[in-house]
Amino acid sequence: MNRLAIVEYLSNKIKYTDEQKELIKAIEEAKGEMEKAAYYFEQVSTPELVDYAIYMEQAAKSRFIYLLKEAKDKGIRVDNSFKHYEEDIV
């Protein structure tokens, strides 16, 4: 079962609003984008593509942190796999 399917299953069990469900789904997607960007960074070697990989990773991380902050502001709790990003949330 993939991560988004698990998120959808849990959000149906916990009775989140549609807006909260969309935010949780967006957080999972952003986390996936960060993982893809990190993998891409490991695969490239030319300076131009390394620069692009860094940009991709930073953009994905910025979106992820923004979405975590939104979730926190709306009282949505996230699991422990996101805890190491808490210091980035002001």
N, C-alpha and C. Protein backbone atom coordinates (compact mmCIF):
# COMPACT_ATOMS: atom_id res chain seq x y z
N MET A 1 0.85 -1.17 0.00
CA MET A 1 0.00 0.00 0.00
C MET A 1 0.90 1.24 0.00
N ASN A 2 0.60 2.20 -0.82
CA ASN A 2 1.45 3.39 -0.87
C ASN A 2 1.07 4.39 0.21
N ARG A 3 1.96 5.33 0.42
CA ARG A 3 1.82 6.30 1.51
C ARG A 3 0.54 7.13 1.38
N LEU A 4 0.22 7.58 0.17
CA LEU A 4 -0.99 8.41 0.00
C LEU A 4 -2.26 7.61 0.29
N ALA A 5 -2.26 6.34 -0.04
CA ALA A 5 -3.41 5.50 0.27
C ALA A 5 -3.59 5.36 1.77
N ILE A 6 -2.48 5.24 2.49
CA ILE A 6 -2.54 5.14 3.95
C ILE A 6 -3.07 6.44 4.54
N VAL A 7 -2.57 7.57 4.03
CA VAL A 7 -3.04 8.88 4.50
C VAL A 7 -4.54 9.01 4.26
N GLU A 8 -4.98 8.64 3.09
CA GLU A 8 -6.41 8.73 2.78
C GLU A 8 -7.24 7.84 3.70
N TYR A 9 -6.76 6.62 3.93
CA TYR A 9 -7.46 5.69 4.82
C TYR A 9 -7.58 6.28 6.23
N LEU A 10 -6.45 6.78 6.77
CA LEU A 10 -6.46 7.34 8.12
C LEU A 10 -7.31 8.59 8.22
N SER A 11 -7.26 9.43 7.20
CA SER A 11 -8.05 10.66 7.26
C SER A 11 -9.55 10.35 7.20
N ASN A 12 -9.92 9.26 6.57
CA ASN A 12 -11.33 8.86 6.57
C ASN A 12 -11.74 8.31 7.93
N LYS A 13 -10.82 7.67 8.65
CA LYS A 13 -11.11 7.11 9.96
C LYS A 13 -11.18 8.18 11.04
N ILE A 14 -10.41 9.26 10.92
CA ILE A 14 -10.30 10.25 11.98
C ILE A 14 -11.33 11.38 11.84
N LYS A 15 -12.00 11.47 10.76
CA LYS A 15 -13.03 12.49 10.54
C LYS A 15 -12.48 13.90 10.40
N TYR A 16 -11.52 14.05 9.52
CA TYR A 16 -11.02 15.37 9.19
C TYR A 16 -12.00 16.04 8.22
N THR A 17 -11.95 17.36 8.18
CA THR A 17 -12.73 18.08 7.18
C THR A 17 -12.07 17.87 5.82
N ASP A 18 -12.76 18.21 4.76
CA ASP A 18 -12.17 18.10 3.43
C ASP A 18 -10.92 18.96 3.29
N GLU A 19 -10.96 20.16 3.88
CA GLU A 19 -9.81 21.06 3.83
C GLU A 19 -8.61 20.44 4.56
N GLN A 20 -8.85 19.85 5.71
CA GLN A 20 -7.78 19.21 6.46
C GLN A 20 -7.22 18.00 5.70
N LYS A 21 -8.09 17.24 5.06
CA LYS A 21 -7.65 16.08 4.28
C LYS A 21 -6.75 16.52 3.13
N GLU A 22 -7.13 17.60 2.46
CA GLU A 22 -6.33 18.11 1.35
C GLU A 22 -4.96 18.59 1.84
N LEU A 23 -4.94 19.22 3.00
CA LEU A 23 -3.68 19.69 3.56
C LEU A 23 -2.77 18.51 3.93
N ILE A 24 -3.33 17.49 4.52
CA ILE A 24 -2.56 16.30 4.87
C ILE A 24 -2.01 15.63 3.61
N LYS A 25 -2.83 15.54 2.60
CA LYS A 25 -2.39 14.95 1.33
C LYS A 25 -1.27 15.79 0.71
N ALA A 26 -1.40 17.11 0.77
CA ALA A 26 -0.38 18.00 0.22
C ALA A 26 0.94 17.84 0.98
N ILE A 27 0.87 17.63 2.30
CA ILE A 27 2.08 17.42 3.09
C ILE A 27 2.78 16.14 2.64
N GLU A 28 2.02 15.08 2.45
CA GLU A 28 2.61 13.82 1.99
C GLU A 28 3.23 13.97 0.60
N GLU A 29 2.55 14.70 -0.28
CA GLU A 29 3.09 14.93 -1.62
C GLU A 29 4.38 15.74 -1.56
N ALA A 30 4.40 16.76 -0.70
CA ALA A 30 5.60 17.59 -0.56
C ALA A 30 6.76 16.77 0.01
N LYS A 31 6.46 15.89 0.93
CA LYS A 31 7.51 15.02 1.47
C LYS A 31 8.07 14.13 0.35
N GLY A 32 7.20 13.63 -0.49
CA GLY A 32 7.64 12.83 -1.63
C GLY A 32 8.49 13.64 -2.60
N GLU A 33 8.13 14.91 -2.81
CA GLU A 33 8.92 15.78 -3.68
C GLU A 33 10.32 15.98 -3.12
N MET A 34 10.43 16.13 -1.80
CA MET A 34 11.75 16.29 -1.18
C MET A 34 12.58 15.03 -1.38
N GLU A 35 11.96 13.88 -1.22
CA GLU A 35 12.68 12.62 -1.40
C GLU A 35 13.14 12.45 -2.85
N LYS A 36 12.29 12.80 -3.79
CA LYS A 36 12.66 12.72 -5.21
C LYS A 36 13.80 13.68 -5.53
N ALA A 37 13.74 14.88 -4.97
CA ALA A 37 14.79 15.87 -5.21
C ALA A 37 16.13 15.40 -4.63
N ALA A 38 16.08 14.80 -3.45
CA ALA A 38 17.31 14.28 -2.83
C ALA A 38 17.90 13.16 -3.68
N TYR A 39 17.04 12.29 -4.20
CA TYR A 39 17.50 11.20 -5.06
C TYR A 39 18.12 11.76 -6.34
N TYR A 40 17.45 12.75 -6.94
CA TYR A 40 17.96 13.38 -8.15
C TYR A 40 19.33 13.98 -7.90
N PHE A 41 19.49 14.66 -6.76
CA PHE A 41 20.76 15.28 -6.40
C PHE A 41 21.88 14.23 -6.37
N GLU A 42 21.58 13.06 -5.84
CA GLU A 42 22.57 11.99 -5.76
C GLU A 42 22.95 11.44 -7.13
N GLN A 43 22.09 11.61 -8.12
CA GLN A 43 22.31 11.02 -9.43
C GLN A 43 23.04 11.92 -10.42
N VAL A 44 23.02 13.22 -10.21
CA VAL A 44 23.60 14.14 -11.19
C VAL A 44 25.05 14.46 -10.85
N SER A 45 25.80 14.87 -11.89
CA SER A 45 27.20 15.19 -11.65
C SER A 45 27.64 16.50 -12.31
N THR A 46 26.94 16.96 -13.32
CA THR A 46 27.35 18.21 -13.96
C THR A 46 26.95 19.39 -13.08
N PRO A 47 27.77 20.43 -13.03
CA PRO A 47 27.49 21.57 -12.14
C PRO A 47 26.11 22.21 -12.35
N GLU A 48 25.69 22.32 -13.60
CA GLU A 48 24.39 22.93 -13.87
C GLU A 48 23.25 22.10 -13.27
N LEU A 49 23.36 20.78 -13.40
CA LEU A 49 22.32 19.93 -12.86
C LEU A 49 22.39 19.83 -11.35
N VAL A 50 23.58 19.95 -10.79
CA VAL A 50 23.71 19.99 -9.33
C VAL A 50 23.02 21.24 -8.80
N ASP A 51 23.23 22.37 -9.46
CA ASP A 51 22.55 23.61 -9.07
C ASP A 51 21.04 23.44 -9.14
N TYR A 52 20.57 22.84 -10.21
CA TYR A 52 19.14 22.61 -10.37
C TYR A 52 18.61 21.69 -9.28
N ALA A 53 19.36 20.64 -8.96
CA ALA A 53 18.94 19.70 -7.92
C ALA A 53 18.83 20.39 -6.56
N ILE A 54 19.79 21.27 -6.28
CA ILE A 54 19.74 22.03 -5.02
C ILE A 54 18.52 22.92 -4.99
N TYR A 55 18.25 23.58 -6.09
CA TYR A 55 17.06 24.44 -6.19
C TYR A 55 15.78 23.63 -5.97
N MET A 56 15.70 22.47 -6.63
CA MET A 56 14.52 21.62 -6.48
C MET A 56 14.32 21.19 -5.02
N GLU A 57 15.41 20.80 -4.40
CA GLU A 57 15.32 20.32 -3.02
C GLU A 57 14.90 21.46 -2.08
N GLN A 58 15.47 22.64 -2.26
CA GLN A 58 15.11 23.79 -1.43
C GLN A 58 13.64 24.19 -1.63
N ALA A 59 13.19 24.18 -2.87
CA ALA A 59 11.80 24.53 -3.15
C ALA A 59 10.85 23.52 -2.50
N ALA A 60 11.17 22.25 -2.62
CA ALA A 60 10.33 21.21 -2.02
C ALA A 60 10.32 21.34 -0.50
N LYS A 61 11.48 21.61 0.10
CA LYS A 61 11.55 21.75 1.55
C LYS A 61 10.77 22.98 2.01
N SER A 62 10.87 24.07 1.29
CA SER A 62 10.12 25.28 1.64
C SER A 62 8.63 25.03 1.62
N ARG A 63 8.16 24.35 0.59
CA ARG A 63 6.73 24.03 0.49
C ARG A 63 6.31 23.11 1.63
N PHE A 64 7.13 22.11 1.91
CA PHE A 64 6.84 21.16 2.98
C PHE A 64 6.73 21.87 4.33
N ILE A 65 7.69 22.72 4.63
CA ILE A 65 7.69 23.43 5.91
C ILE A 65 6.48 24.37 6.00
N TYR A 66 6.16 25.04 4.90
CA TYR A 66 4.98 25.90 4.87
C TYR A 66 3.71 25.10 5.19
N LEU A 67 3.58 23.94 4.55
CA LEU A 67 2.39 23.11 4.78
C LEU A 67 2.33 22.57 6.21
N LEU A 68 3.49 22.20 6.78
CA LEU A 68 3.50 21.76 8.17
C LEU A 68 3.06 22.89 9.11
N LYS A 69 3.51 24.11 8.80
CA LYS A 69 3.10 25.25 9.62
C LYS A 69 1.59 25.47 9.51
N GLU A 70 1.07 25.36 8.31
CA GLU A 70 -0.38 25.50 8.12
C GLU A 70 -1.13 24.43 8.93
N ALA A 71 -0.63 23.22 8.89
CA ALA A 71 -1.27 22.13 9.64
C ALA A 71 -1.23 22.42 11.13
N LYS A 72 -0.08 22.87 11.61
CA LYS A 72 0.06 23.19 13.02
C LYS A 72 -0.91 24.30 13.42
N ASP A 73 -1.01 25.33 12.59
CA ASP A 73 -1.93 26.45 12.86
C ASP A 73 -3.39 26.00 12.89
N LYS A 74 -3.70 24.96 12.14
CA LYS A 74 -5.09 24.46 12.08
C LYS A 74 -5.34 23.32 13.05
N GLY A 75 -4.34 23.02 13.88
CA GLY A 75 -4.53 22.00 14.90
C GLY A 75 -4.44 20.58 14.41
N ILE A 76 -3.86 20.39 13.25
CA ILE A 76 -3.69 19.04 12.71
C ILE A 76 -2.39 18.48 13.24
N ARG A 77 -2.45 17.32 13.84
CA ARG A 77 -1.26 16.68 14.37
C ARG A 77 -0.66 15.78 13.29
N VAL A 78 0.67 15.77 13.23
CA VAL A 78 1.37 14.90 12.28
C VAL A 78 2.16 13.86 13.05
N ASP A 79 2.53 12.78 12.38
CA ASP A 79 3.25 11.71 13.08
C ASP A 79 4.71 12.07 13.31
N ASN A 80 5.41 11.22 14.01
CA ASN A 80 6.79 11.49 14.42
C ASN A 80 7.77 11.58 13.26
N SER A 81 7.43 11.09 12.08
CA SER A 81 8.37 11.17 10.96
C SER A 81 8.60 12.61 10.51
N PHE A 82 7.76 13.54 10.96
CA PHE A 82 7.92 14.94 10.59
C PHE A 82 8.58 15.76 11.69
N LYS A 83 8.86 15.16 12.85
CA LYS A 83 9.34 15.90 14.02
C LYS A 83 10.66 16.62 13.76
N HIS A 84 11.57 16.07 12.96
CA HIS A 84 12.86 16.72 12.77
C HIS A 84 12.74 18.01 11.94
N TYR A 85 11.56 18.31 11.43
CA TYR A 85 11.37 19.56 10.69
C TYR A 85 10.79 20.66 11.59
N GLU A 86 10.45 20.32 12.83
CA GLU A 86 9.81 21.30 13.70
C GLU A 86 10.66 22.54 13.95
N GLU A 87 11.99 22.38 14.01
CA GLU A 87 12.84 23.54 14.24
C GLU A 87 12.77 24.52 13.08
N ASP A 88 12.32 24.08 11.91
CA ASP A 88 12.20 24.96 10.75
C ASP A 88 10.89 25.75 10.76
N ILE A 89 9.96 25.34 11.62
CA ILE A 89 8.65 26.00 11.67
C ILE A 89 8.70 27.07 12.73
N VAL A 90 8.52 28.30 12.32
CA VAL A 90 8.60 29.42 13.26
C VAL A 90 7.23 29.81 13.69
